[in-house]
Protein backbone atom coordinates (compact mmCIF):
# COMPACT_ATOMS: atom_id res chain seq x y z
CA MET A 1 6.69 24.10 -19.57
CA GLU A 2 5.56 20.49 -20.02
CA ARG A 3 5.46 18.47 -16.79
CA ARG A 4 6.69 14.94 -16.28
CA THR A 5 6.34 12.53 -13.38
CA ILE A 6 9.10 10.38 -11.96
CA GLY A 7 9.17 7.59 -9.44
CA ALA A 8 6.74 5.50 -7.50
CA GLY A 9 5.39 8.58 -5.75
CA ALA A 10 4.53 10.25 -9.07
CA LEU A 11 6.61 13.30 -8.19
CA GLU A 12 6.12 16.03 -10.78
CA VAL A 13 8.98 17.94 -12.40
CA GLY A 14 9.49 20.22 -15.37
CA ALA A 15 10.47 18.62 -18.65
CA ILE A 16 14.03 19.93 -18.32
CA GLY A 17 16.05 20.27 -15.12
CA LEU A 18 19.20 22.15 -14.17
CA GLY A 19 22.43 20.37 -13.29
CA CYS A 20 24.21 22.58 -10.76
CA MET A 21 27.55 20.73 -10.62
CA PRO A 22 29.45 23.03 -13.04
CA MET A 23 28.84 25.97 -10.73
CA SER A 24 31.09 24.45 -8.06
CA TRP A 25 32.91 21.40 -9.37
CA ALA A 26 34.78 19.78 -12.27
CA TYR A 27 34.54 22.56 -14.90
CA THR A 28 36.58 25.75 -15.48
CA ALA A 29 37.34 26.95 -11.96
CA SER A 30 38.13 30.51 -13.11
CA GLU A 31 34.49 30.96 -14.19
CA ARG A 32 32.95 30.00 -10.86
CA ASP A 33 31.13 32.85 -9.22
CA GLY A 34 28.58 32.44 -6.45
CA GLU A 35 26.45 35.47 -7.25
CA SER A 36 26.40 34.68 -10.97
CA SER A 37 25.41 31.10 -10.14
CA LEU A 38 22.55 32.33 -7.96
CA ARG A 39 21.26 34.46 -10.83
CA THR A 40 21.51 31.43 -13.12
CA VAL A 41 19.43 29.26 -10.78
CA HIS A 42 16.77 31.95 -10.39
CA ALA A 43 16.67 32.48 -14.17
CA ALA A 44 16.14 28.75 -14.68
CA LEU A 45 13.28 28.67 -12.17
CA ASP A 46 11.72 31.75 -13.75
CA SER A 47 11.88 29.91 -17.11
CA GLY A 48 9.87 26.95 -15.83
CA VAL A 49 12.63 24.65 -14.59
CA THR A 50 11.73 22.96 -11.30
CA LEU A 51 14.32 20.18 -10.87
CA LEU A 52 17.68 21.25 -9.39
CA ASP A 53 20.26 18.46 -9.30
CA THR A 54 23.25 18.59 -6.94
CA ALA A 55 25.37 16.36 -4.65
CA ASP A 56 27.20 16.74 -1.38
CA MET A 57 30.53 16.05 -3.10
CA TYR A 58 30.23 19.02 -5.50
CA GLY A 59 32.62 21.54 -4.06
CA PRO A 60 32.60 19.54 -1.85
CA PHE A 61 29.55 20.88 -0.01
CA THR A 62 29.60 24.36 -1.57
CA ASN A 63 27.04 23.51 -4.25
CA GLU A 64 24.45 22.48 -1.68
CA LEU A 65 25.19 25.64 0.30
CA LEU A 66 24.60 27.67 -2.86
CA LEU A 67 21.26 26.02 -3.51
CA GLY A 68 20.30 26.47 0.12
CA ARG A 69 20.30 30.23 -0.49
CA VAL A 70 17.76 29.65 -3.27
CA LEU A 71 15.61 27.17 -1.38
CA ARG A 72 15.37 29.51 1.59
CA ARG A 73 13.31 31.83 -0.62
CA ARG A 74 11.79 29.54 -3.25
CA ARG A 75 11.37 26.06 -1.76
CA ALA A 76 7.85 25.72 -3.18
CA ASP A 77 9.22 26.22 -6.71
CA VAL A 78 11.89 23.53 -6.50
CA PHE A 79 12.13 19.76 -6.82
CA VAL A 80 15.52 19.20 -5.18
CA SER A 81 17.71 16.20 -5.95
CA THR A 82 20.95 15.57 -4.12
CA LYS A 83 23.28 12.61 -3.71
CA CYS A 84 25.39 10.85 -1.12
CA GLY A 85 27.93 8.05 -1.08
CA LEU A 86 31.16 9.63 -2.35
CA LEU A 87 33.86 11.25 -0.23
CA VAL A 88 36.38 13.65 -1.75
CA GLY A 89 40.00 13.48 -0.57
CA GLU A 90 43.12 15.37 -1.60
CA GLN A 91 43.79 13.30 -4.71
CA HIS A 92 41.04 10.71 -4.71
CA ILE A 93 37.33 9.98 -4.41
CA VAL A 94 36.09 6.97 -2.43
CA ALA A 95 32.67 5.43 -1.92
CA ASN A 96 31.08 5.21 1.52
CA GLY A 97 27.82 3.30 1.74
CA ARG A 98 27.82 2.52 5.45
CA PRO A 99 24.28 3.02 6.82
CA GLY A 100 25.37 5.29 9.65
CA TYR A 101 27.29 7.52 7.28
CA VAL A 102 24.38 7.75 4.83
CA LYS A 103 22.07 8.96 7.59
CA ARG A 104 24.58 11.55 8.81
CA ALA A 105 25.16 12.70 5.23
CA CYS A 106 21.44 13.23 4.72
CA ASP A 107 21.14 15.35 7.87
CA ALA A 108 24.11 17.44 6.73
CA SER A 109 22.60 17.94 3.27
CA LEU A 110 19.30 19.03 4.80
CA ARG A 111 21.12 21.67 6.83
CA ARG A 112 23.11 22.97 3.87
CA LEU A 113 20.05 23.02 1.61
CA GLN A 114 18.01 24.79 4.31
CA THR A 115 15.06 22.45 3.86
CA ASP A 116 13.32 19.81 5.94
CA VAL A 117 12.88 17.29 3.12
CA ILE A 118 14.80 16.18 0.02
CA ASP A 119 12.58 15.31 -2.94
CA LEU A 120 15.00 12.81 -4.52
CA TYR A 121 17.94 11.35 -2.60
CA GLN A 122 20.34 9.44 -4.82
CA LEU A 123 23.12 6.98 -4.15
CA HIS A 124 26.04 8.41 -6.10
CA ARG A 125 28.00 5.14 -6.18
CA ALA A 126 27.61 1.82 -4.41
CA ASP A 127 30.34 1.03 -1.90
CA PRO A 128 32.12 -2.21 -2.91
CA GLU A 129 32.74 -2.92 0.80
CA VAL A 130 29.06 -2.69 1.80
CA PRO A 131 26.19 -4.75 0.34
CA VAL A 132 24.13 -2.29 -1.67
CA GLU A 133 20.98 -3.59 0.01
CA GLU A 134 22.28 -2.32 3.37
CA THR A 135 22.96 1.14 1.99
CA TRP A 136 19.56 1.24 0.27
CA GLY A 137 17.84 0.06 3.44
CA ALA A 138 19.33 2.99 5.35
CA MET A 139 18.11 5.35 2.63
CA ALA A 140 14.64 3.79 2.85
CA GLU A 141 14.62 4.58 6.58
CA LEU A 142 15.16 8.24 5.65
CA VAL A 143 11.94 8.08 3.61
CA ALA A 144 10.11 6.54 6.56
CA ALA A 145 11.45 9.34 8.77
CA GLY A 146 10.04 11.99 6.41
CA LYS A 147 13.47 13.38 5.50
CA VAL A 148 13.36 12.12 1.89
CA ARG A 149 10.47 11.65 -0.55
CA SER A 150 11.98 9.32 -3.16
CA LEU A 151 15.19 7.37 -3.81
CA GLY A 152 17.38 7.19 -6.88
CA LEU A 153 20.55 5.54 -8.13
CA CYS A 154 23.29 7.04 -10.26
CA ALA A 155 24.25 4.53 -12.96
CA VAL A 156 27.82 3.27 -13.11
CA GLY A 157 27.84 3.97 -16.83
CA ALA A 158 28.22 2.18 -20.12
CA GLN A 159 31.99 2.25 -19.69
CA GLY A 160 31.61 0.24 -16.49
CA ARG A 161 31.62 -3.02 -18.42
CA ARG A 162 34.60 -5.33 -18.01
CA ARG A 163 36.90 -5.26 -20.98
CA GLY A 164 36.18 -8.11 -23.34
CA SER A 165 32.73 -8.66 -21.86
CA ASP A 166 29.77 -9.27 -24.13
CA ALA A 167 27.37 -7.89 -21.53
CA PRO A 168 25.20 -5.02 -22.80
CA ALA A 169 25.78 -1.47 -21.64
CA TYR A 170 24.53 -0.83 -18.10
CA ALA A 171 24.15 -4.55 -17.35
CA GLY A 172 25.88 -4.02 -14.00
CA THR A 173 23.63 -1.10 -13.14
CA ILE A 174 20.51 -3.12 -13.95
CA ARG A 175 21.70 -5.93 -11.68
CA GLN A 176 22.12 -3.39 -8.87
CA LEU A 177 18.69 -1.94 -9.56
CA GLU A 178 17.04 -5.34 -9.43
CA ARG A 179 18.66 -6.02 -6.06
CA ILE A 180 17.68 -2.75 -4.40
CA GLN A 181 14.20 -2.79 -5.91
CA GLN A 182 13.53 -5.75 -3.60
CA VAL A 183 14.32 -3.52 -0.58
CA PHE A 184 12.50 -0.29 -1.48
CA PRO A 185 11.10 1.10 -4.75
CA VAL A 186 13.55 2.88 -7.03
CA GLY A 187 12.12 6.27 -7.99
CA CYS A 188 14.69 7.41 -10.50
CA VAL A 189 17.93 6.50 -12.23
CA GLU A 190 20.48 9.10 -13.32
CA ALA A 191 22.69 8.12 -16.25
CA GLU A 192 24.62 9.77 -19.03
CA LEU A 193 22.44 10.05 -22.12
CA SER A 194 22.93 12.27 -25.15
CA VAL A 195 23.14 12.26 -28.92
CA TRP A 196 26.79 11.22 -28.71
CA SER A 197 26.35 8.83 -25.75
CA PRO A 198 23.06 7.01 -26.45
CA GLU A 199 23.97 3.67 -24.82
CA ALA A 200 21.33 4.00 -22.09
CA LEU A 201 18.61 3.69 -24.74
CA VAL A 202 19.45 0.05 -25.38
CA SER A 203 18.56 -1.58 -22.06
CA LEU A 204 18.55 0.92 -19.18
CA LEU A 205 15.72 3.16 -20.41
CA PRO A 206 13.49 0.20 -21.37
CA TRP A 207 14.08 -1.25 -17.87
CA CYS A 208 12.99 2.05 -16.32
CA GLU A 209 9.99 2.50 -18.62
CA ALA A 210 8.67 -0.98 -17.83
CA ARG A 211 8.58 -0.04 -14.13
CA GLY A 212 7.46 3.58 -14.35
CA ILE A 213 10.88 4.79 -13.17
CA GLY A 214 12.24 8.13 -14.29
CA LEU A 215 15.59 8.52 -16.03
CA LEU A 216 17.51 11.74 -15.43
CA ALA A 217 19.69 12.27 -18.49
CA ALA A 218 23.05 13.48 -17.19
CA MET A 219 25.50 15.28 -19.47
CA PRO A 220 22.76 15.68 -22.12
CA LEU A 221 24.87 18.22 -24.02
CA GLY A 222 27.98 16.06 -24.08
CA SER A 223 29.75 18.16 -21.43
CA GLY A 224 29.34 21.17 -23.69
CA PHE A 225 30.44 19.62 -26.97
CA LEU A 226 26.94 19.39 -28.45
CA THR A 227 26.35 23.11 -27.93
CA GLY A 228 28.76 23.85 -30.77
CA THR A 229 30.49 26.51 -28.68
CA LEU A 230 33.74 24.58 -28.05
CA THR A 231 36.67 24.96 -30.42
CA PRO A 232 38.87 21.92 -31.19
CA GLY A 233 42.29 22.59 -29.77
CA GLY A 234 41.00 25.48 -27.67
CA GLY A 235 42.20 23.75 -24.53
CA PHE A 236 40.79 23.53 -21.01
CA GLU A 237 42.04 24.61 -17.62
CA ARG A 238 44.06 21.94 -15.82
CA ASP A 239 41.35 21.21 -13.24
CA ASP A 240 38.62 20.90 -15.89
CA VAL A 241 37.63 17.22 -16.24
CA ARG A 242 37.52 17.61 -20.02
CA ALA A 243 41.26 18.24 -20.09
CA ARG A 244 41.72 14.52 -19.34
CA HIS A 245 38.84 13.05 -21.36
CA PRO A 246 39.74 11.16 -24.56
CA ARG A 247 36.81 12.72 -26.43
CA PHE A 248 38.09 16.23 -25.76
CA THR A 249 41.49 15.97 -27.37
CA ALA A 250 41.83 18.34 -30.32
CA GLU A 251 41.90 15.34 -32.66
CA MET A 252 38.71 13.77 -31.33
CA MET A 253 36.84 17.07 -31.12
CA ALA A 254 37.66 17.69 -34.78
CA ALA A 255 36.63 14.16 -35.72
CA ASN A 256 33.25 14.55 -34.01
CA GLN A 257 32.34 17.87 -35.63
CA PRO A 258 29.92 16.12 -38.06
CA ILE A 259 27.65 15.45 -35.06
CA VAL A 260 27.46 19.15 -34.22
CA ALA A 261 27.03 20.01 -37.90
CA GLY A 262 24.04 17.66 -38.05
CA LEU A 263 22.45 19.31 -35.03
CA ARG A 264 23.01 22.70 -36.66
CA ARG A 265 21.21 21.57 -39.83
CA VAL A 266 18.20 20.46 -37.82
CA ALA A 267 18.24 23.67 -35.79
CA ALA A 268 18.27 25.78 -38.96
CA ARG A 269 14.89 24.32 -39.92
CA HIS A 270 13.42 25.63 -36.66
CA GLY A 271 14.17 29.32 -36.96
CA ASP A 272 16.35 30.54 -34.11
CA ALA A 273 16.82 27.14 -32.45
CA THR A 274 20.34 26.17 -31.37
CA PRO A 275 22.22 22.84 -31.56
CA ALA A 276 21.92 22.55 -27.78
CA GLN A 277 18.15 22.90 -27.94
CA VAL A 278 17.95 20.25 -30.66
CA ALA A 279 20.06 17.88 -28.53
CA LEU A 280 17.72 18.40 -25.56
CA ALA A 281 14.56 18.09 -27.67
CA TRP A 282 15.92 14.80 -29.03
CA LEU A 283 16.12 13.52 -25.46
CA LEU A 284 12.56 14.61 -24.70
CA ALA A 285 11.46 12.69 -27.78
CA GLN A 286 12.83 9.46 -26.27
CA GLY A 287 9.84 9.16 -23.96
CA ARG A 288 8.02 10.66 -21.01
CA HIS A 289 10.31 9.01 -18.49
CA VAL A 290 13.34 11.01 -19.68
CA VAL A 291 14.20 14.32 -17.99
CA PRO A 292 17.39 15.99 -19.32
CA VAL A 293 19.48 17.74 -16.66
CA PRO A 294 21.89 20.04 -18.54
CA GLY A 295 24.48 21.86 -16.49
CA ALA A 296 24.83 25.62 -16.78
CA LYS A 297 26.84 28.35 -15.09
CA LYS A 298 25.39 31.36 -16.89
CA GLU A 299 21.87 32.75 -17.09
CA ARG A 300 21.70 32.80 -20.89
CA TRP A 301 22.48 29.08 -21.15
CA ALA A 302 19.96 28.13 -18.45
CA VAL A 303 17.22 30.11 -20.21
CA GLU A 304 18.15 28.70 -23.62
CA ASN A 305 18.13 25.14 -22.28
CA ALA A 306 14.72 25.58 -20.65
CA ALA A 307 13.26 26.83 -23.94
CA ALA A 308 14.16 23.51 -25.58
CA ALA A 309 11.03 22.04 -23.95
CA ARG A 310 8.98 23.99 -26.54
CA LEU A 311 10.91 22.63 -29.54
CA GLU A 312 9.09 19.79 -31.28
CA LEU A 313 11.24 17.76 -33.62
CA THR A 314 9.71 16.24 -36.73
CA ALA A 315 10.05 12.67 -37.93
CA ARG A 316 12.54 13.97 -40.49
CA ASP A 317 14.57 15.65 -37.75
CA LEU A 318 14.69 12.49 -35.65
CA ALA A 319 15.67 10.34 -38.63
CA GLU A 320 18.46 12.75 -39.52
CA ILE A 321 19.81 12.70 -35.97
CA ALA A 322 19.60 8.90 -35.89
CA ALA A 323 21.72 8.80 -39.05
CA LEU A 324 24.53 10.90 -37.57
CA PRO A 325 27.86 9.07 -37.21
CA PRO A 326 28.60 7.61 -33.77
CA ALA A 327 30.99 9.57 -31.61
CA GLN A 328 34.64 8.69 -31.90
CA GLY A 329 36.88 8.36 -28.88
CA SER A 330 36.10 6.17 -25.89
CA TRP A 331 35.24 7.44 -22.42
CA ASP A 332 37.36 4.60 -20.94
């Protein structure tokens, strides 16, 4: 698989990573199975994937424990990314960026992951009660202590703009990045980026490219929509985040079918390629700083996603994807 480098330390990863969140958090609880998830992670690594992306809040904690069982045997094969800064309560999620907490959270993640160093440690969300420079400074101390190799920030998102604002997408994230960059180099930014959510291409990716900073493309398959395997009106379990997302109502899923149809047309020109592979290949074509991190719970999807690194889209393919209609239905 093609290799890409991210961050100031030129850390090397495979062209496509594996998002481990769906195995323990947010999606279809009835399909969660620890042993099946372990097989999925191993299948991804065997297919050339090296980057595993998790967070302490996924579960919470159970996703890191799951990956710890993999790292215990295959640490040399894995570039591990985890996150801190969000606490999960009964009915809410709150940010905690206090320096003391960040350091304790890192030690806890190291224990769960069964490793002595985290390759990429990301701030999941900035705490509005703590200057982000203080949180980032504590994370920088973890690098100095040898517990972390590189630091990253999860973007607030295009929908984080104030209503009525003329500011470009991710303007708030870029302001945060410019502040923390003065404290310690940013190695990577994780942000939603896909065929139906391309806002990060406008200003966030150029900002990263100009500084040699990697961009992890989260939700690169549109939370499953771009795979073409979801049926409009099929419904989701109550605890599935898509059950509450405006883009996953039956009406909006039907309205956005032309996007999937376009990906299918491109895939048909490449033999046995799938819409999901086309969507991932499109991301790889956006530049060497982009590393898609599709989530997967099953072995077949992890293997299929990894194979997208070998799919080379033509100029005609890219033009056809660029001409697809924009997605309908806001994330707000």
